[in-house]
Amino acid sequence: MFTSKQRSKLRSLAQSIEPIGQIGKGGVSQNMIESFSQALENRELIKISVLNNSEEEAKWVAVDLAEALNAEVVCTIGHKVVLYRKSNKKGVEHIEF
């Protein structure tokens, strides 16, 4: 879990990034989970859009994705989900707290 200061820093960093994927009517597929996991390894912080035609609300998608990806939910704002996972990959610029 994050402290409020850490969460605030991650939220401010997330404002400037574009969503890397969209979740729609079909929900979350295994391919999506794999690509989101790879993105987390490369970036540590990702943003995902939950489309209006999705059967689930963004906050529930966030919880499910975080569990599947072994990541932390930073926040859900409207239809956007922000996730964080520290990367184990060498050469990745880590987010400093």
PDB file of N, CA and C in Angstrom:
ATOM      1  N   MET A   1       0.839  -1.195   0.000  1.00  0.00           N
ATOM      2  CA  MET A   1       0.000   0.000   0.000  1.00  0.00           C
ATOM      3  C   MET A   1       0.880   1.253   0.000  1.00  0.00           C
ATOM      4  N   PHE A   2       0.309   2.318  -0.504  1.00  0.00           N
ATOM      5  CA  PHE A   2       1.027   3.576  -0.617  1.00  0.00           C
ATOM      6  C   PHE A   2       0.674   4.504   0.530  1.00  0.00           C
ATOM      7  N   THR A   3       1.601   5.411   0.853  1.00  0.00           N
ATOM      8  CA  THR A   3       1.253   6.515   1.729  1.00  0.00           C
ATOM      9  C   THR A   3       0.507   7.532   0.866  1.00  0.00           C
ATOM     10  N   SER A   4      -0.150   8.478   1.484  1.00  0.00           N
ATOM     11  CA  SER A   4      -0.896   9.464   0.700  1.00  0.00           C
ATOM     12  C   SER A   4       0.051  10.305  -0.162  1.00  0.00           C
ATOM     13  N   LYS A   5       1.263  10.543   0.326  1.00  0.00           N
ATOM     14  CA  LYS A   5       2.244  11.311  -0.444  1.00  0.00           C
ATOM     15  C   LYS A   5       2.703  10.530  -1.684  1.00  0.00           C
ATOM     16  N   GLN A   6       2.937   9.224  -1.529  1.00  0.00           N
ATOM     17  CA  GLN A   6       3.333   8.389  -2.661  1.00  0.00           C
ATOM     18  C   GLN A   6       2.213   8.312  -3.692  1.00  0.00           C
ATOM     19  N   ARG A   7       0.988   8.108  -3.220  1.00  0.00           N
ATOM     20  CA  ARG A   7      -0.164   8.030  -4.119  1.00  0.00           C
ATOM     21  C   ARG A   7      -0.325   9.345  -4.882  1.00  0.00           C
ATOM     22  N   SER A   8      -0.134  10.450  -4.190  1.00  0.00           N
ATOM     23  CA  SER A   8      -0.250  11.766  -4.815  1.00  0.00           C
ATOM     24  C   SER A   8       0.800  11.931  -5.924  1.00  0.00           C
ATOM     25  N   LYS A   9       2.030  11.486  -5.660  1.00  0.00           N
ATOM     26  CA  LYS A   9       3.077  11.577  -6.682  1.00  0.00           C
ATOM     27  C   LYS A   9       2.717  10.733  -7.900  1.00  0.00           C
ATOM     28  N   LEU A  10       2.252   9.504  -7.673  1.00  0.00           N
ATOM     29  CA  LEU A  10       1.880   8.630  -8.788  1.00  0.00           C
ATOM     30  C   LEU A  10       0.709   9.211  -9.586  1.00  0.00           C
ATOM     31  N   ARG A  11      -0.255   9.791  -8.882  1.00  0.00           N
ATOM     32  CA  ARG A  11      -1.395  10.411  -9.580  1.00  0.00           C
ATOM     33  C   ARG A  11      -0.927  11.563 -10.459  1.00  0.00           C
ATOM     34  N   SER A  12      -0.001  12.372  -9.961  1.00  0.00           N
ATOM     35  CA  SER A  12       0.477  13.504 -10.754  1.00  0.00           C
ATOM     36  C   SER A  12       1.275  13.014 -11.967  1.00  0.00           C
ATOM     37  N   LEU A  13       2.060  11.942 -11.802  1.00  0.00           N
ATOM     38  CA  LEU A  13       2.783  11.372 -12.943  1.00  0.00           C
ATOM     39  C   LEU A  13       1.808  10.799 -13.969  1.00  0.00           C
ATOM     40  N   ALA A  14       0.721  10.213 -13.502  1.00  0.00           N
ATOM     41  CA  ALA A  14      -0.254   9.574 -14.392  1.00  0.00           C
ATOM     42  C   ALA A  14      -1.011  10.585 -15.248  1.00  0.00           C
ATOM     43  N   GLN A  15      -1.110  11.824 -14.796  1.00  0.00           N
ATOM     44  CA  GLN A  15      -1.839  12.837 -15.561  1.00  0.00           C
ATOM     45  C   GLN A  15      -1.237  13.056 -16.938  1.00  0.00           C
ATOM     46  N   SER A  16       0.074  12.886 -17.047  1.00  0.00           N
ATOM     47  CA  SER A  16       0.743  13.204 -18.317  1.00  0.00           C
ATOM     48  C   SER A  16       0.901  12.000 -19.242  1.00  0.00           C
ATOM     49  N   ILE A  17       0.431  10.817 -18.830  1.00  0.00           N
ATOM     50  CA  ILE A  17       0.577   9.652 -19.715  1.00  0.00           C
ATOM     51  C   ILE A  17      -0.743   9.326 -20.404  1.00  0.00           C
ATOM     52  N   GLU A  18      -0.618   8.765 -21.592  1.00  0.00           N
ATOM     53  CA  GLU A  18      -1.799   8.361 -22.364  1.00  0.00           C
ATOM     54  C   GLU A  18      -2.191   6.925 -21.989  1.00  0.00           C
ATOM     55  N   PRO A  19      -3.488   6.604 -22.066  1.00  0.00           N
ATOM     56  CA  PRO A  19      -3.907   5.216 -21.819  1.00  0.00           C
ATOM     57  C   PRO A  19      -3.258   4.265 -22.830  1.00  0.00           C
ATOM     58  N   ILE A  20      -2.816   3.109 -22.346  1.00  0.00           N
ATOM     59  CA  ILE A  20      -2.152   2.143 -23.229  1.00  0.00           C
ATOM     60  C   ILE A  20      -3.120   1.107 -23.779  1.00  0.00           C
ATOM     61  N   GLY A  21      -4.333   1.083 -23.255  1.00  0.00           N
ATOM     62  CA  GLY A  21      -5.299   0.104 -23.735  1.00  0.00           C
ATOM     63  C   GLY A  21      -6.713   0.475 -23.334  1.00  0.00           C
ATOM     64  N   GLN A  22      -7.660  -0.251 -23.914  1.00  0.00           N
ATOM     65  CA  GLN A  22      -9.070  -0.003 -23.631  1.00  0.00           C
ATOM     66  C   GLN A  22      -9.740  -1.323 -23.288  1.00  0.00           C
ATOM     67  N   ILE A  23     -10.643  -1.252 -22.327  1.00  0.00           N
ATOM     68  CA  ILE A  23     -11.423  -2.424 -21.959  1.00  0.00           C
ATOM     69  C   ILE A  23     -12.866  -2.115 -22.303  1.00  0.00           C
ATOM     70  N   GLY A  24     -13.449  -2.964 -23.121  1.00  0.00           N
ATOM     71  CA  GLY A  24     -14.811  -2.723 -23.596  1.00  0.00           C
ATOM     72  C   GLY A  24     -15.760  -3.819 -23.190  1.00  0.00           C
ATOM     73  N   LYS A  25     -16.703  -4.057 -24.064  1.00  0.00           N
ATOM     74  CA  LYS A  25     -17.786  -5.001 -23.828  1.00  0.00           C
ATOM     75  C   LYS A  25     -17.297  -6.420 -23.514  1.00  0.00           C
ATOM     76  N   GLY A  26     -16.214  -6.831 -24.172  1.00  0.00           N
ATOM     77  CA  GLY A  26     -15.686  -8.183 -23.982  1.00  0.00           C
ATOM     78  C   GLY A  26     -14.959  -8.406 -22.668  1.00  0.00           C
ATOM     79  N   GLY A  27     -14.710  -7.337 -21.924  1.00  0.00           N
ATOM     80  CA  GLY A  27     -13.989  -7.475 -20.658  1.00  0.00           C
ATOM     81  C   GLY A  27     -12.492  -7.629 -20.879  1.00  0.00           C
ATOM     82  N   VAL A  28     -11.838  -8.234 -19.904  1.00  0.00           N
ATOM     83  CA  VAL A  28     -10.386  -8.372 -19.924  1.00  0.00           C
ATOM     84  C   VAL A  28     -10.007  -9.760 -20.439  1.00  0.00           C
ATOM     85  N   SER A  29      -9.174  -9.800 -21.476  1.00  0.00           N
ATOM     86  CA  SER A  29      -8.726 -11.083 -22.025  1.00  0.00           C
ATOM     87  C   SER A  29      -7.325 -11.409 -21.511  1.00  0.00           C
ATOM     88  N   GLN A  30      -6.917 -12.632 -21.706  1.00  0.00           N
ATOM     89  CA  GLN A  30      -5.573 -13.051 -21.299  1.00  0.00           C
ATOM     90  C   GLN A  30      -4.501 -12.272 -22.062  1.00  0.00           C
ATOM     91  N   ASN A  31      -4.748 -11.989 -23.337  1.00  0.00           N
ATOM     92  CA  ASN A  31      -3.794 -11.195 -24.128  1.00  0.00           C
ATOM     93  C   ASN A  31      -3.612  -9.799 -23.545  1.00  0.00           C
ATOM     94  N   MET A  32      -4.713  -9.198 -23.105  1.00  0.00           N
ATOM     95  CA  MET A  32      -4.631  -7.872 -22.486  1.00  0.00           C
ATOM     96  C   MET A  32      -3.779  -7.925 -21.226  1.00  0.00           C
ATOM     97  N   ILE A  33      -4.019  -8.935 -20.399  1.00  0.00           N
ATOM     98  CA  ILE A  33      -3.267  -9.065 -19.150  1.00  0.00           C
ATOM     99  C   ILE A  33      -1.773  -9.180 -19.456  1.00  0.00           C
ATOM    100  N   GLU A  34      -1.427  -9.982 -20.462  1.00  0.00           N
ATOM    101  CA  GLU A  34      -0.011 -10.139 -20.830  1.00  0.00           C
ATOM    102  C   GLU A  34       0.587  -8.829 -21.332  1.00  0.00           C
ATOM    103  N   SER A  35      -0.159  -8.098 -22.163  1.00  0.00           N
ATOM    104  CA  SER A  35       0.393  -6.839 -22.685  1.00  0.00           C
ATOM    105  C   SER A  35       0.479  -5.776 -21.580  1.00  0.00           C
ATOM    106  N   PHE A  36      -0.496  -5.738 -20.679  1.00  0.00           N
ATOM    107  CA  PHE A  36      -0.438  -4.792 -19.558  1.00  0.00           C
ATOM    108  C   PHE A  36       0.728  -5.142 -18.628  1.00  0.00           C
ATOM    109  N   SER A  37       0.962  -6.432 -18.423  1.00  0.00           N
ATOM    110  CA  SER A  37       2.071  -6.867 -17.576  1.00  0.00           C
ATOM    111  C   SER A  37       3.407  -6.435 -18.178  1.00  0.00           C
ATOM    112  N   GLN A  38       3.536  -6.597 -19.488  1.00  0.00           N
ATOM    113  CA  GLN A  38       4.758  -6.174 -20.172  1.00  0.00           C
ATOM    114  C   GLN A  38       4.933  -4.657 -20.064  1.00  0.00           C
ATOM    115  N   ALA A  39       3.845  -3.927 -20.212  1.00  0.00           N
ATOM    116  CA  ALA A  39       3.907  -2.466 -20.101  1.00  0.00           C
ATOM    117  C   ALA A  39       4.325  -2.045 -18.690  1.00  0.00           C
ATOM    118  N   LEU A  40       3.828  -2.746 -17.683  1.00  0.00           N
ATOM    119  CA  LEU A  40       4.224  -2.439 -16.303  1.00  0.00           C
ATOM    120  C   LEU A  40       5.713  -2.710 -16.090  1.00  0.00           C
ATOM    121  N   GLU A  41       6.227  -3.762 -16.695  1.00  0.00           N
ATOM    122  CA  GLU A  41       7.668  -4.057 -16.592  1.00  0.00           C
ATOM    123  C   GLU A  41       8.494  -2.946 -17.234  1.00  0.00           C
ATOM    124  N   ASN A  42       7.981  -2.385 -18.321  1.00  0.00           N
ATOM    125  CA  ASN A  42       8.720  -1.347 -19.045  1.00  0.00           C
ATOM    126  C   ASN A  42       8.562   0.048 -18.441  1.00  0.00           C
ATOM    127  N   ARG A  43       7.400   0.317 -17.838  1.00  0.00           N
ATOM    128  CA  ARG A  43       7.089   1.690 -17.402  1.00  0.00           C
ATOM    129  C   ARG A  43       6.817   1.847 -15.908  1.00  0.00           C
ATOM    130  N   GLU A  44       6.347   0.812 -15.244  1.00  0.00           N
ATOM    131  CA  GLU A  44       5.936   0.796 -13.832  1.00  0.00           C
ATOM    132  C   GLU A  44       4.576   1.462 -13.587  1.00  0.00           C
ATOM    133  N   LEU A  45       4.193   2.413 -14.407  1.00  0.00           N
ATOM    134  CA  LEU A  45       2.928   3.122 -14.216  1.00  0.00           C
ATOM    135  C   LEU A  45       2.169   3.120 -15.539  1.00  0.00           C
ATOM    136  N   ILE A  46       0.935   2.618 -15.518  1.00  0.00           N
ATOM    137  CA  ILE A  46       0.135   2.586 -16.749  1.00  0.00           C
ATOM    138  C   ILE A  46      -1.272   3.107 -16.479  1.00  0.00           C
ATOM    139  N   LYS A  47      -1.872   3.603 -17.556  1.00  0.00           N
ATOM    140  CA  LYS A  47      -3.252   4.086 -17.509  1.00  0.00           C
ATOM    141  C   LYS A  47      -4.050   3.299 -18.542  1.00  0.00           C
ATOM    142  N   ILE A  48      -5.253   2.885 -18.155  1.00  0.00           N
ATOM    143  CA  ILE A  48      -6.125   2.087 -19.020  1.00  0.00           C
ATOM    144  C   ILE A  48      -7.502   2.736 -19.041  1.00  0.00           C
ATOM    145  N   SER A  49      -8.131   2.771 -20.214  1.00  0.00           N
ATOM    146  CA  SER A  49      -9.489   3.313 -20.345  1.00  0.00           C
ATOM    147  C   SER A  49     -10.503   2.179 -20.274  1.00  0.00           C
ATOM    148  N   VAL A  50     -11.575   2.427 -19.548  1.00  0.00           N
ATOM    149  CA  VAL A  50     -12.706   1.499 -19.522  1.00  0.00           C
ATOM    150  C   VAL A  50     -13.817   2.171 -20.314  1.00  0.00           C
ATOM    151  N   LEU A  51     -14.173   1.578 -21.437  1.00  0.00           N
ATOM    152  CA  LEU A  51     -15.155   2.185 -22.331  1.00  0.00           C
ATOM    153  C   LEU A  51     -16.563   2.151 -21.740  1.00  0.00           C
ATOM    154  N   ASN A  52     -17.421   3.024 -22.255  1.00  0.00           N
ATOM    155  CA  ASN A  52     -18.807   3.098 -21.775  1.00  0.00           C
ATOM    156  C   ASN A  52     -19.575   1.798 -21.978  1.00  0.00           C
ATOM    157  N   ASN A  53     -19.207   1.021 -23.009  1.00  0.00           N
ATOM    158  CA  ASN A  53     -19.948  -0.214 -23.273  1.00  0.00           C
ATOM    159  C   ASN A  53     -19.445  -1.403 -22.440  1.00  0.00           C
ATOM    160  N   SER A  54     -18.485  -1.156 -21.570  1.00  0.00           N
ATOM    161  CA  SER A  54     -17.988  -2.228 -20.694  1.00  0.00           C
ATOM    162  C   SER A  54     -19.089  -2.636 -19.718  1.00  0.00           C
ATOM    163  N   GLU A  55     -19.126  -3.926 -19.409  1.00  0.00           N
ATOM    164  CA  GLU A  55     -20.145  -4.432 -18.497  1.00  0.00           C
ATOM    165  C   GLU A  55     -19.806  -4.160 -17.036  1.00  0.00           C
ATOM    166  N   GLU A  56     -18.554  -3.801 -16.754  1.00  0.00           N
ATOM    167  CA  GLU A  56     -18.130  -3.538 -15.382  1.00  0.00           C
ATOM    168  C   GLU A  56     -17.730  -2.082 -15.212  1.00  0.00           C
ATOM    169  N   GLU A  57     -17.835  -1.606 -13.971  1.00  0.00           N
ATOM    170  CA  GLU A  57     -17.400  -0.250 -13.652  1.00  0.00           C
ATOM    171  C   GLU A  57     -15.880  -0.232 -13.550  1.00  0.00           C
ATOM    172  N   ALA A  58     -15.301   0.932 -13.778  1.00  0.00           N
ATOM    173  CA  ALA A  58     -13.845   1.081 -13.771  1.00  0.00           C
ATOM    174  C   ALA A  58     -13.232   0.621 -12.450  1.00  0.00           C
ATOM    175  N   LYS A  59     -13.882   0.924 -11.323  1.00  0.00           N
ATOM    176  CA  LYS A  59     -13.259   0.562 -10.040  1.00  0.00           C
ATOM    177  C   LYS A  59     -13.166  -0.952  -9.864  1.00  0.00           C
ATOM    178  N   TRP A  60     -14.122  -1.705 -10.409  1.00  0.00           N
ATOM    179  CA  TRP A  60     -14.069  -3.170 -10.297  1.00  0.00           C
ATOM    180  C   TRP A  60     -13.082  -3.746 -11.292  1.00  0.00           C
ATOM    181  N   VAL A  61     -12.984  -3.139 -12.461  1.00  0.00           N
ATOM    182  CA  VAL A  61     -11.976  -3.552 -13.442  1.00  0.00           C
ATOM    183  C   VAL A  61     -10.588  -3.341 -12.830  1.00  0.00           C
ATOM    184  N   ALA A  62     -10.399  -2.206 -12.146  1.00  0.00           N
ATOM    185  CA  ALA A  62      -9.112  -1.893 -11.525  1.00  0.00           C
ATOM    186  C   ALA A  62      -8.711  -2.948 -10.505  1.00  0.00           C
ATOM    187  N   VAL A  63      -9.655  -3.348  -9.672  1.00  0.00           N
ATOM    188  CA  VAL A  63      -9.376  -4.360  -8.642  1.00  0.00           C
ATOM    189  C   VAL A  63      -9.009  -5.692  -9.283  1.00  0.00           C
ATOM    190  N   ASP A  64      -9.780  -6.101 -10.284  1.00  0.00           N
ATOM    191  CA  ASP A  64      -9.513  -7.372 -10.976  1.00  0.00           C
ATOM    192  C   ASP A  64      -8.159  -7.355 -11.683  1.00  0.00           C
ATOM    193  N   LEU A  65      -7.866  -6.259 -12.377  1.00  0.00           N
ATOM    194  CA  LEU A  65      -6.590  -6.150 -13.081  1.00  0.00           C
ATOM    195  C   LEU A  65      -5.416  -6.141 -12.112  1.00  0.00           C
ATOM    196  N   ALA A  66      -5.545  -5.392 -11.034  1.00  0.00           N
ATOM    197  CA  ALA A  66      -4.458  -5.315 -10.056  1.00  0.00           C
ATOM    198  C   ALA A  66      -4.138  -6.701  -9.502  1.00  0.00           C
ATOM    199  N   GLU A  67      -5.184  -7.470  -9.233  1.00  0.00           N
ATOM    200  CA  GLU A  67      -4.987  -8.826  -8.726  1.00  0.00           C
ATOM    201  C   GLU A  67      -4.317  -9.712  -9.776  1.00  0.00           C
ATOM    202  N   ALA A  68      -4.773  -9.641 -11.009  1.00  0.00           N
ATOM    203  CA  ALA A  68      -4.220 -10.470 -12.085  1.00  0.00           C
ATOM    204  C   ALA A  68      -2.772 -10.091 -12.415  1.00  0.00           C
ATOM    205  N   LEU A  69      -2.445  -8.814 -12.257  1.00  0.00           N
ATOM    206  CA  LEU A  69      -1.121  -8.320 -12.627  1.00  0.00           C
ATOM    207  C   LEU A  69      -0.164  -8.199 -11.446  1.00  0.00           C
ATOM    208  N   ASN A  70      -0.653  -8.505 -10.248  1.00  0.00           N
ATOM    209  CA  ASN A  70       0.141  -8.335  -9.034  1.00  0.00           C
ATOM    210  C   ASN A  70       0.617  -6.881  -8.919  1.00  0.00           C
ATOM    211  N   ALA A  71      -0.315  -5.969  -9.179  1.00  0.00           N
ATOM    212  CA  ALA A  71      -0.017  -4.536  -9.180  1.00  0.00           C
ATOM    213  C   ALA A  71      -0.880  -3.839  -8.124  1.00  0.00           C
ATOM    214  N   GLU A  72      -0.621  -2.555  -7.944  1.00  0.00           N
ATOM    215  CA  GLU A  72      -1.396  -1.731  -7.020  1.00  0.00           C
ATOM    216  C   GLU A  72      -2.271  -0.763  -7.810  1.00  0.00           C
ATOM    217  N   VAL A  73      -3.497  -0.579  -7.360  1.00  0.00           N
ATOM    218  CA  VAL A  73      -4.366   0.437  -7.956  1.00  0.00           C
ATOM    219  C   VAL A  73      -3.950   1.784  -7.379  1.00  0.00           C
ATOM    220  N   VAL A  74      -3.538   2.687  -8.247  1.00  0.00           N
ATOM    221  CA  VAL A  74      -3.195   4.035  -7.804  1.00  0.00           C
ATOM    222  C   VAL A  74      -4.487   4.824  -7.635  1.00  0.00           C
ATOM    223  N   CYS A  75      -5.330   4.795  -8.675  1.00  0.00           N
ATOM    224  CA  CYS A  75      -6.611   5.493  -8.608  1.00  0.00           C
ATOM    225  C   CYS A  75      -7.483   5.100  -9.791  1.00  0.00           C
ATOM    226  N   THR A  76      -8.755   5.394  -9.648  1.00  0.00           N
ATOM    227  CA  THR A  76      -9.671   5.330 -10.787  1.00  0.00           C
ATOM    228  C   THR A  76     -10.319   6.698 -10.864  1.00  0.00           C
ATOM    229  N   ILE A  77     -10.244   7.304 -12.035  1.00  0.00           N
ATOM    230  CA  ILE A  77     -10.842   8.623 -12.241  1.00  0.00           C
ATOM    231  C   ILE A  77     -11.772   8.499 -13.431  1.00  0.00           C
ATOM    232  N   GLY A  78     -13.059   8.580 -13.182  1.00  0.00           N
ATOM    233  CA  GLY A  78     -14.028   8.423 -14.257  1.00  0.00           C
ATOM    234  C   GLY A  78     -13.907   7.041 -14.864  1.00  0.00           C
ATOM    235  N   HIS A  79     -13.546   6.982 -16.141  1.00  0.00           N
ATOM    236  CA  HIS A  79     -13.402   5.713 -16.845  1.00  0.00           C
ATOM    237  C   HIS A  79     -11.936   5.323 -17.030  1.00  0.00           C
ATOM    238  N   LYS A  80     -11.040   5.945 -16.263  1.00  0.00           N
ATOM    239  CA  LYS A  80      -9.609   5.659 -16.363  1.00  0.00           C
ATOM    240  C   LYS A  80      -9.138   4.930 -15.102  1.00  0.00           C
ATOM    241  N   VAL A  81      -8.248   3.956 -15.333  1.00  0.00           N
ATOM    242  CA  VAL A  81      -7.656   3.184 -14.245  1.00  0.00           C
ATOM    243  C   VAL A  81      -6.148   3.385 -14.312  1.00  0.00           C
ATOM    244  N   VAL A  82      -5.527   3.666 -13.172  1.00  0.00           N
ATOM    245  CA  VAL A  82      -4.078   3.827 -13.116  1.00  0.00           C
ATOM    246  C   VAL A  82      -3.514   2.741 -12.202  1.00  0.00           C
ATOM    247  N   LEU A  83      -2.539   1.983 -12.734  1.00  0.00           N
ATOM    248  CA  LEU A  83      -1.925   0.883 -11.990  1.00  0.00           C
ATOM    249  C   LEU A  83      -0.417   1.088 -11.888  1.00  0.00           C
ATOM    250  N   TYR A  84       0.155   0.585 -10.783  1.00  0.00           N
ATOM    251  CA  TYR A  84       1.600   0.670 -10.563  1.00  0.00           C
ATOM    252  C   TYR A  84       2.130  -0.690 -10.134  1.00  0.00           C
ATOM    253  N   ARG A  85       3.289  -1.044 -10.660  1.00  0.00           N
ATOM    254  CA  ARG A  85       4.022  -2.227 -10.194  1.00  0.00           C
ATOM    255  C   ARG A  85       5.499  -1.958 -10.398  1.00  0.00           C
ATOM    256  N   LYS A  86       6.281  -2.131  -9.348  1.00  0.00           N
ATOM    257  CA  LYS A  86       7.731  -1.925  -9.459  1.00  0.00           C
ATOM    258  C   LYS A  86       8.298  -2.948 -10.428  1.00  0.00           C
ATOM    259  N   SER A  87       9.127  -2.470 -11.337  1.00  0.00           N
ATOM    260  CA  SER A  87       9.710  -3.322 -12.369  1.00  0.00           C
ATOM    261  C   SER A  87      10.954  -4.031 -11.852  1.00  0.00           C
ATOM    262  N   ASN A  88      11.135  -5.270 -12.286  1.00  0.00           N
ATOM    263  CA  ASN A  88      12.343  -6.026 -11.977  1.00  0.00           C
ATOM    264  C   ASN A  88      13.327  -6.003 -13.147  1.00  0.00           C
ATOM    265  N   LYS A  89      12.919  -5.343 -14.210  1.00  0.00           N
ATOM    266  CA  LYS A  89      13.706  -5.312 -15.439  1.00  0.00           C
ATOM    267  C   LYS A  89      14.887  -4.351 -15.300  1.00  0.00           C
ATOM    268  N   LYS A  90      16.045  -4.784 -15.770  1.00  0.00           N
ATOM    269  CA  LYS A  90      17.228  -3.919 -15.732  1.00  0.00           C
ATOM    270  C   LYS A  90      17.089  -2.827 -16.794  1.00  0.00           C
ATOM    271  N   GLY A  91      17.597  -1.641 -16.465  1.00  0.00           N
ATOM    272  CA  GLY A  91      17.586  -0.550 -17.420  1.00  0.00           C
ATOM    273  C   GLY A  91      16.319   0.285 -17.395  1.00  0.00           C
ATOM    274  N   VAL A  92      15.355  -0.088 -16.570  1.00  0.00           N
ATOM    275  CA  VAL A  92      14.116   0.678 -16.473  1.00  0.00           C
ATOM    276  C   VAL A  92      14.349   1.822 -15.479  1.00  0.00           C
ATOM    277  N   GLU A  93      13.880   2.998 -15.843  1.00  0.00           N
ATOM    278  CA  GLU A  93      13.988   4.136 -14.930  1.00  0.00           C
ATOM    279  C   GLU A  93      12.891   3.997 -13.877  1.00  0.00           C
ATOM    280  N   HIS A  94      13.309   3.695 -12.645  1.00  0.00           N
ATOM    281  CA  HIS A  94      12.336   3.452 -11.582  1.00  0.00           C
ATOM    282  C   HIS A  94      11.761   4.762 -11.063  1.00  0.00           C
ATOM    283  N   ILE A  95      10.522   4.708 -10.636  1.00  0.00           N
ATOM    284  CA  ILE A  95       9.861   5.867 -10.045  1.00  0.00           C
ATOM    285  C   ILE A  95      10.365   5.989  -8.617  1.00  0.00           C
ATOM    286  N   GLU A  96      10.910   7.146  -8.294  1.00  0.00           N
ATOM    287  CA  GLU A  96      11.460   7.388  -6.951  1.00  0.00           C
ATOM    288  C   GLU A  96      10.404   8.022  -6.059  1.00  0.00           C
ATOM    289  N   PHE A  97      10.338   7.530  -4.836  1.00  0.00           N
ATOM    290  CA  PHE A  97       9.385   8.096  -3.868  1.00  0.00           C
ATOM    291  C   PHE A  97      10.115   8.926  -2.846  1.00  0.00           C
TER     292      PHE A  97
END
